[in-house]
C-alpha atoms as a PDB file:
ATOM      1  CA  UNK A   1      -9.604 -13.798  -6.328  1.00  0.00           C
ATOM      2  CA  UNK A   2     -10.602 -10.716  -4.305  1.00  0.00           C
ATOM      3  CA  UNK A   3      -9.258  -7.331  -5.369  1.00  0.00           C
ATOM      4  CA  UNK A   4      -9.777  -3.973  -3.655  1.00  0.00           C
ATOM      5  CA  UNK A   5     -10.198  -1.010  -6.004  1.00  0.00           C
ATOM      6  CA  UNK A   6     -11.033   1.550  -3.320  1.00  0.00           C
ATOM      7  CA  UNK A   7      -9.865   1.723   0.290  1.00  0.00           C
ATOM      8  CA  UNK A   8     -10.543   4.806   2.368  1.00  0.00           C
ATOM      9  CA  UNK A   9      -8.074   3.880   5.095  1.00  0.00           C
ATOM     10  CA  UNK A  10      -5.357   1.950   3.249  1.00  0.00           C
ATOM     11  CA  UNK A  11      -3.700   0.972   0.005  1.00  0.00           C
ATOM     12  CA  UNK A  12      -5.720   0.158  -3.090  1.00  0.00           C
ATOM     13  CA  UNK A  13      -5.159  -2.628  -5.615  1.00  0.00           C
ATOM     14  CA  UNK A  14      -4.543  -5.144  -2.850  1.00  0.00           C
ATOM     15  CA  UNK A  15      -5.140  -8.747  -3.852  1.00  0.00           C
ATOM     16  CA  UNK A  16      -6.267 -11.770  -1.852  1.00  0.00           C
ATOM     17  CA  UNK A  17      -6.660 -15.302  -3.173  1.00  0.00           C
ATOM     18  CA  UNK A  18      -8.880 -17.939  -1.581  1.00  0.00           C
ATOM     19  CA  UNK A  19      -9.676 -21.601  -2.081  1.00  0.00           C
ATOM     20  CA  UNK A  20     -13.248 -22.837  -1.574  1.00  0.00           C
ATOM     21  CA  UNK A  21     -13.188 -25.866   0.724  1.00  0.00           C
ATOM     22  CA  UNK A  22     -15.885 -27.878   2.532  1.00  0.00           C
ATOM     23  CA  UNK A  23     -15.865 -25.528   5.532  1.00  0.00           C
ATOM     24  CA  UNK A  24     -15.689 -22.319   3.515  1.00  0.00           C
ATOM     25  CA  UNK A  25     -13.065 -20.032   2.068  1.00  0.00           C
ATOM     26  CA  UNK A  26      -9.429 -20.578   3.039  1.00  0.00           C
ATOM     27  CA  UNK A  27      -6.830 -17.940   2.238  1.00  0.00           C
ATOM     28  CA  UNK A  28      -3.907 -18.999   0.046  1.00  0.00           C
ATOM     29  CA  UNK A  29      -0.909 -17.394   1.722  1.00  0.00           C
ATOM     30  CA  UNK A  30       1.550 -18.132  -1.100  1.00  0.00           C
ATOM     31  CA  UNK A  31      -0.374 -17.792  -4.384  1.00  0.00           C
ATOM     32  CA  UNK A  32       2.815 -17.949  -6.491  1.00  0.00           C
ATOM     33  CA  UNK A  33       3.106 -21.674  -5.754  1.00  0.00           C
ATOM     34  CA  UNK A  34      -0.501 -22.227  -6.847  1.00  0.00           C
ATOM     35  CA  UNK A  35      -0.083 -20.343 -10.123  1.00  0.00           C
ATOM     36  CA  UNK A  36       3.151 -22.167 -10.976  1.00  0.00           C
ATOM     37  CA  UNK A  37       2.003 -25.696 -10.099  1.00  0.00           C
ATOM     38  CA  UNK A  38       1.893 -26.858 -13.733  1.00  0.00           C
ATOM     39  CA  UNK A  39       4.615 -24.610 -15.147  1.00  0.00           C
ATOM     40  CA  UNK A  40       6.916 -26.433 -17.571  1.00  0.00           C
ATOM     41  CA  UNK A  41      10.199 -24.494 -17.997  1.00  0.00           C
ATOM     42  CA  UNK A  42      11.188 -26.527 -21.060  1.00  0.00           C
ATOM     43  CA  UNK A  43       8.095 -25.473 -23.027  1.00  0.00           C
ATOM     44  CA  UNK A  44       8.635 -22.700 -25.636  1.00  0.00           C
ATOM     45  CA  UNK A  45       6.339 -19.701 -25.355  1.00  0.00           C
ATOM     46  CA  UNK A  46       6.267 -19.642 -21.544  1.00  0.00           C
ATOM     47  CA  UNK A  47       7.743 -16.964 -19.286  1.00  0.00           C
ATOM     48  CA  UNK A  48       7.449 -16.113 -15.597  1.00  0.00           C
ATOM     49  CA  UNK A  49       6.540 -12.549 -14.640  1.00  0.00           C
ATOM     50  CA  UNK A  50       6.874 -11.053 -11.140  1.00  0.00           C
ATOM     51  CA  UNK A  51       3.596  -9.171 -10.723  1.00  0.00           C
ATOM     52  CA  UNK A  52       3.168  -6.443  -8.113  1.00  0.00           C
ATOM     53  CA  UNK A  53      -0.363  -6.107  -6.755  1.00  0.00           C
ATOM     54  CA  UNK A  54      -0.538  -3.612  -3.908  1.00  0.00           C
ATOM     55  CA  UNK A  55       1.917  -4.785  -1.259  1.00  0.00           C
ATOM     56  CA  UNK A  56       2.105  -8.317  -2.634  1.00  0.00           C
ATOM     57  CA  UNK A  57       4.350  -9.859  -5.297  1.00  0.00           C
ATOM     58  CA  UNK A  58       3.037 -12.861  -7.219  1.00  0.00           C
ATOM     59  CA  UNK A  59       4.886 -14.934  -9.790  1.00  0.00           C
ATOM     60  CA  UNK A  60       2.620 -15.850 -12.690  1.00  0.00           C
ATOM     61  CA  UNK A  61       3.069 -17.628 -15.995  1.00  0.00           C
ATOM     62  CA  UNK A  62       2.542 -15.959 -19.360  1.00  0.00           C
ATOM     63  CA  UNK A  63       1.970 -18.137 -22.425  1.00  0.00           C
ATOM     64  CA  UNK A  64       2.092 -17.445 -26.148  1.00  0.00           C
ATOM     65  CA  UNK A  65       0.948 -19.724 -28.937  1.00  0.00           C
ATOM     66  CA  UNK A  66       1.642 -18.911 -32.579  1.00  0.00           C
ATOM     67  CA  UNK A  67      -0.097 -20.520 -35.514  1.00  0.00           C
ATOM     68  CA  UNK A  68       0.434 -20.001 -39.276  1.00  0.00           C
ATOM     69  CA  UNK A  69      -2.244 -17.863 -40.930  1.00  0.00           C
ATOM     70  CA  UNK A  70      -3.093 -17.030 -44.534  1.00  0.00           C
ATOM     71  CA  UNK A  71      -5.555 -14.275 -43.628  1.00  0.00           C
ATOM     72  CA  UNK A  72      -4.886 -10.633 -44.495  1.00  0.00           C
ATOM     73  CA  UNK A  73      -5.320  -9.768 -40.812  1.00  0.00           C
ATOM     74  CA  UNK A  74      -4.194 -12.687 -38.616  1.00  0.00           C
ATOM     75  CA  UNK A  75      -6.063 -13.169 -35.342  1.00  0.00           C
ATOM     76  CA  UNK A  76      -4.803 -11.693 -32.094  1.00  0.00           C
ATOM     77  CA  UNK A  77      -6.485 -13.267 -29.050  1.00  0.00           C
ATOM     78  CA  UNK A  78      -5.550 -12.040 -25.574  1.00  0.00           C
ATOM     79  CA  UNK A  79      -6.670 -13.239 -22.139  1.00  0.00           C
ATOM     80  CA  UNK A  80      -5.633 -11.315 -19.014  1.00  0.00           C
ATOM     81  CA  UNK A  81      -3.722  -8.499 -20.724  1.00  0.00           C
ATOM     82  CA  UNK A  82      -4.474  -5.396 -22.782  1.00  0.00           C
ATOM     83  CA  UNK A  83      -4.874  -6.286 -26.460  1.00  0.00           C
ATOM     84  CA  UNK A  84      -3.602  -2.846 -27.508  1.00  0.00           C
ATOM     85  CA  UNK A  85      -0.450  -3.408 -25.457  1.00  0.00           C
ATOM     86  CA  UNK A  86       0.123  -6.703 -27.247  1.00  0.00           C
ATOM     87  CA  UNK A  87      -0.168  -4.904 -30.587  1.00  0.00           C
ATOM     88  CA  UNK A  88       2.489  -2.400 -29.496  1.00  0.00           C
ATOM     89  CA  UNK A  89       4.905  -5.113 -28.366  1.00  0.00           C
ATOM     90  CA  UNK A  90       4.437  -6.980 -31.660  1.00  0.00           C
ATOM     91  CA  UNK A  91       5.135  -3.755 -33.565  1.00  0.00           C
ATOM     92  CA  UNK A  92       8.335  -3.127 -31.582  1.00  0.00           C
ATOM     93  CA  UNK A  93       9.533  -6.713 -32.124  1.00  0.00           C
ATOM     94  CA  UNK A  94       8.863  -6.375 -35.840  1.00  0.00           C
ATOM     95  CA  UNK A  95      10.514  -2.972 -36.211  1.00  0.00           C
ATOM     96  CA  UNK A  96      13.490  -3.291 -33.855  1.00  0.00           C
ATOM     97  CA  UNK A  97      14.227  -7.022 -33.993  1.00  0.00           C
ATOM     98  CA  UNK A  98      13.206  -7.867 -37.582  1.00  0.00           C
ATOM     99  CA  UNK A  99      10.809 -10.566 -36.376  1.00  0.00           C
ATOM    100  CA  UNK A 100       7.868 -11.395 -38.619  1.00  0.00           C
ATOM    101  CA  UNK A 101       4.416 -11.938 -37.126  1.00  0.00           C
ATOM    102  CA  UNK A 102       2.522 -10.824 -40.251  1.00  0.00           C
ATOM    103  CA  UNK A 103       1.522 -14.350 -41.292  1.00  0.00           C
ATOM    104  CA  UNK A 104       1.000 -15.629 -37.757  1.00  0.00           C
ATOM    105  CA  UNK A 105      -1.996 -15.895 -35.462  1.00  0.00           C
ATOM    106  CA  UNK A 106      -1.069 -14.885 -31.918  1.00  0.00           C
ATOM    107  CA  UNK A 107      -2.766 -16.288 -28.818  1.00  0.00           C
ATOM    108  CA  UNK A 108      -1.610 -14.808 -25.512  1.00  0.00           C
ATOM    109  CA  UNK A 109      -2.749 -15.961 -22.067  1.00  0.00           C
ATOM    110  CA  UNK A 110      -2.137 -15.034 -18.432  1.00  0.00           C
ATOM    111  CA  UNK A 111      -2.422 -18.258 -16.440  1.00  0.00           C
ATOM    112  CA  UNK A 112      -4.669 -18.341 -13.373  1.00  0.00           C
ATOM    113  CA  UNK A 113      -7.343 -15.845 -14.368  1.00  0.00           C
ATOM    114  CA  UNK A 114      -5.431 -12.752 -13.254  1.00  0.00           C
ATOM    115  CA  UNK A 115      -5.515  -9.525 -15.250  1.00  0.00           C
ATOM    116  CA  UNK A 116      -2.260  -7.603 -15.672  1.00  0.00           C
ATOM    117  CA  UNK A 117      -2.210  -3.834 -16.038  1.00  0.00           C
ATOM    118  CA  UNK A 118       1.315  -2.786 -15.035  1.00  0.00           C
ATOM    119  CA  UNK A 119       3.816  -1.954 -17.835  1.00  0.00           C
ATOM    120  CA  UNK A 120       6.476  -4.143 -16.203  1.00  0.00           C
ATOM    121  CA  UNK A 121       4.861  -7.132 -17.931  1.00  0.00           C
ATOM    122  CA  UNK A 122       6.096  -5.936 -21.346  1.00  0.00           C
ATOM    123  CA  UNK A 123       9.443  -7.717 -21.249  1.00  0.00           C
ATOM    124  CA  UNK A 124       7.974 -11.012 -20.024  1.00  0.00           C
ATOM    125  CA  UNK A 125       5.336 -10.848 -22.754  1.00  0.00           C
ATOM    126  CA  UNK A 126       7.981 -10.130 -25.392  1.00  0.00           C
ATOM    127  CA  UNK A 127      10.101 -13.028 -24.123  1.00  0.00           C
ATOM    128  CA  UNK A 128       7.103 -15.338 -24.351  1.00  0.00           C
ATOM    129  CA  UNK A 129       6.403 -14.258 -27.941  1.00  0.00           C
ATOM    130  CA  UNK A 130      10.041 -14.590 -29.045  1.00  0.00           C
ATOM    131  CA  UNK A 131      10.297 -18.000 -27.391  1.00  0.00           C
ATOM    132  CA  UNK A 132       7.164 -19.201 -29.198  1.00  0.00           C
ATOM    133  CA  UNK A 133       8.369 -17.828 -32.542  1.00  0.00           C
ATOM    134  CA  UNK A 134      11.836 -19.373 -32.260  1.00  0.00           C
ATOM    135  CA  UNK A 135      10.446 -22.562 -30.655  1.00  0.00           C
ATOM    136  CA  UNK A 136      13.090 -22.297 -27.951  1.00  0.00           C
ATOM    137  CA  UNK A 137      12.426 -22.063 -24.187  1.00  0.00           C
ATOM    138  CA  UNK A 138      13.710 -19.323 -21.941  1.00  0.00           C
ATOM    139  CA  UNK A 139      16.601 -20.076 -19.556  1.00  0.00           C
ATOM    140  CA  UNK A 140      15.275 -22.416 -16.873  1.00  0.00           C
ATOM    141  CA  UNK A 141      14.474 -21.114 -13.383  1.00  0.00           C
ATOM    142  CA  UNK A 142      14.310 -17.515 -14.614  1.00  0.00           C
ATOM    143  CA  UNK A 143      11.904 -14.631 -14.096  1.00  0.00           C
ATOM    144  CA  UNK A 144      11.631 -11.532 -16.250  1.00  0.00           C
ATOM    145  CA  UNK A 145      10.150  -8.047 -15.965  1.00  0.00           C
ATOM    146  CA  UNK A 146      10.588  -4.555 -17.433  1.00  0.00           C
ATOM    147  CA  UNK A 147       8.762  -1.957 -19.506  1.00  0.00           C
ATOM    148  CA  UNK A 148       9.466  -1.633 -23.241  1.00  0.00           C
ATOM    149  CA  UNK A 149       9.494   1.761 -24.978  1.00  0.00           C
ATOM    150  CA  UNK A 150       8.575   2.344 -28.607  1.00  0.00           C
ATOM    151  CA  UNK A 151      12.228   2.605 -29.601  1.00  0.00           C
ATOM    152  CA  UNK A 152      12.904  -0.799 -28.039  1.00  0.00           C
ATOM    153  CA  UNK A 153      14.577   0.505 -24.886  1.00  0.00           C
ATOM    154  CA  UNK A 154      13.972  -1.367 -21.623  1.00  0.00           C
ATOM    155  CA  UNK A 155      12.791   0.886 -18.803  1.00  0.00           C
ATOM    156  CA  UNK A 156      13.099   0.268 -15.087  1.00  0.00           C
ATOM    157  CA  UNK A 157      10.163  -1.015 -13.075  1.00  0.00           C
ATOM    158  CA  UNK A 158       9.347  -0.268  -9.460  1.00  0.00           C
ATOM    159  CA  UNK A 159       9.877  -2.616  -6.521  1.00  0.00           C
ATOM    160  CA  UNK A 160      12.701  -4.503  -8.227  1.00  0.00           C
ATOM    161  CA  UNK A 161      14.132  -5.978  -5.030  1.00  0.00           C
ATOM    162  CA  UNK A 162      10.683  -7.071  -3.850  1.00  0.00           C
ATOM    163  CA  UNK A 163      10.153  -8.976  -7.096  1.00  0.00           C
ATOM    164  CA  UNK A 164      13.582 -10.607  -6.825  1.00  0.00           C
ATOM    165  CA  UNK A 165      12.974 -11.629  -3.205  1.00  0.00           C
ATOM    166  CA  UNK A 166       9.789 -13.478  -4.150  1.00  0.00           C
ATOM    167  CA  UNK A 167      11.578 -15.285  -6.983  1.00  0.00           C
ATOM    168  CA  UNK A 168      14.402 -16.294  -4.657  1.00  0.00           C
ATOM    169  CA  UNK A 169      11.943 -17.748  -2.123  1.00  0.00           C
ATOM    170  CA  UNK A 170      10.514 -20.037  -4.797  1.00  0.00           C
ATOM    171  CA  UNK A 171      13.893 -21.308  -5.956  1.00  0.00           C
ATOM    172  CA  UNK A 172      14.422 -19.259  -9.108  1.00  0.00           C
ATOM    173  CA  UNK A 173      18.062 -18.774 -10.068  1.00  0.00           C
ATOM    174  CA  UNK A 174      18.075 -16.076 -12.778  1.00  0.00           C
ATOM    175  CA  UNK A 175      16.341 -12.739 -13.358  1.00  0.00           C
ATOM    176  CA  UNK A 176      16.252 -10.855 -16.650  1.00  0.00           C
ATOM    177  CA  UNK A 177      15.697  -7.230 -15.688  1.00  0.00           C
ATOM    178  CA  UNK A 178      16.166  -3.670 -17.004  1.00  0.00           C
ATOM    179  CA  UNK A 179      19.695  -2.287 -16.823  1.00  0.00           C
ATOM    180  CA  UNK A 180      20.074  -0.326 -13.594  1.00  0.00           C
ATOM    181  CA  UNK A 181      21.273   3.103 -14.704  1.00  0.00           C
ATOM    182  CA  UNK A 182      23.173   5.014 -12.030  1.00  0.00           C
ATOM    183  CA  UNK A 183      21.285   3.395  -9.194  1.00  0.00           C
ATOM    184  CA  UNK A 184      22.594   1.668  -6.098  1.00  0.00           C
ATOM    185  CA  UNK A 185      23.594  -1.934  -6.627  1.00  0.00           C
ATOM    186  CA  UNK A 186      20.767  -4.410  -6.206  1.00  0.00           C
ATOM    187  CA  UNK A 187      21.303  -6.969  -3.481  1.00  0.00           C
ATOM    188  CA  UNK A 188      20.144 -10.357  -4.732  1.00  0.00           C
ATOM    189  CA  UNK A 189      21.357 -13.935  -4.696  1.00  0.00           C
ATOM    190  CA  UNK A 190      19.909 -14.522  -8.160  1.00  0.00           C
ATOM    191  CA  UNK A 191      22.025 -14.181 -11.274  1.00  0.00           C
ATOM    192  CA  UNK A 192      20.996 -10.853 -12.769  1.00  0.00           C
ATOM    193  CA  UNK A 193      20.963 -10.392 -16.539  1.00  0.00           C
ATOM    194  CA  UNK A 194      20.534  -6.666 -17.163  1.00  0.00           C
ATOM    195  CA  UNK A 195      19.499  -5.525 -20.648  1.00  0.00           C
ATOM    196  CA  UNK A 196      18.837  -2.053 -22.013  1.00  0.00           C
ATOM    197  CA  UNK A 197      17.286  -2.899 -25.405  1.00  0.00           C
ATOM    198  CA  UNK A 198      14.816  -5.483 -26.642  1.00  0.00           C
ATOM    199  CA  UNK A 199      17.274  -6.742 -29.265  1.00  0.00           C
ATOM    200  CA  UNK A 200      19.477  -8.128 -26.496  1.00  0.00           C
ATOM    201  CA  UNK A 201      16.655 -10.428 -25.454  1.00  0.00           C
ATOM    202  CA  UNK A 202      17.100 -12.252 -28.782  1.00  0.00           C
ATOM    203  CA  UNK A 203      20.626 -13.265 -27.781  1.00  0.00           C
ATOM    204  CA  UNK A 204      19.340 -14.782 -24.541  1.00  0.00           C
ATOM    205  CA  UNK A 205      16.652 -16.824 -26.308  1.00  0.00           C
ATOM    206  CA  UNK A 206      18.802 -18.602 -28.879  1.00  0.00           C
END
């Protein structure tokens, strides 16, 4: 994985992914397919997030694993995401959705070795956690993205149509996205499920 953090003559945060072969490095032109090779849509705790890196959109899998704990401070292990952000999402789910993670160890992983920094991953992370807690998978062939505020509201993310286009190319049928407030209608062949509060995600994962 090659990432540009500084570019004097172009966009930053561009991402390129290569495979090491016998004759050298070969660029992977569609990394979403690589990252989703072993994705199992029937497995609880898994969600698909449409990540924007520079001018590229990549679909990646987020996984959550919950385990009972009798410790005063259950473990929170995170790979590929901000641990403080996970703590905030858990607090919102506890406060606004009456979900209990107090006696649960939480293990959260971004598949493929990527590191996520954009707030749009909030909703996919929350969906993964709820799915793991309820032991019920998300709707099959669905992607999810959106930022979550402290009051539980779902905020819009940039490049919505670009994310939906990438999902459509890979055969996804449904997208759970922030409610589009007063904006022009999104053109997409996917079924769009628009939500404005985190509590409505509970009704989808049931």
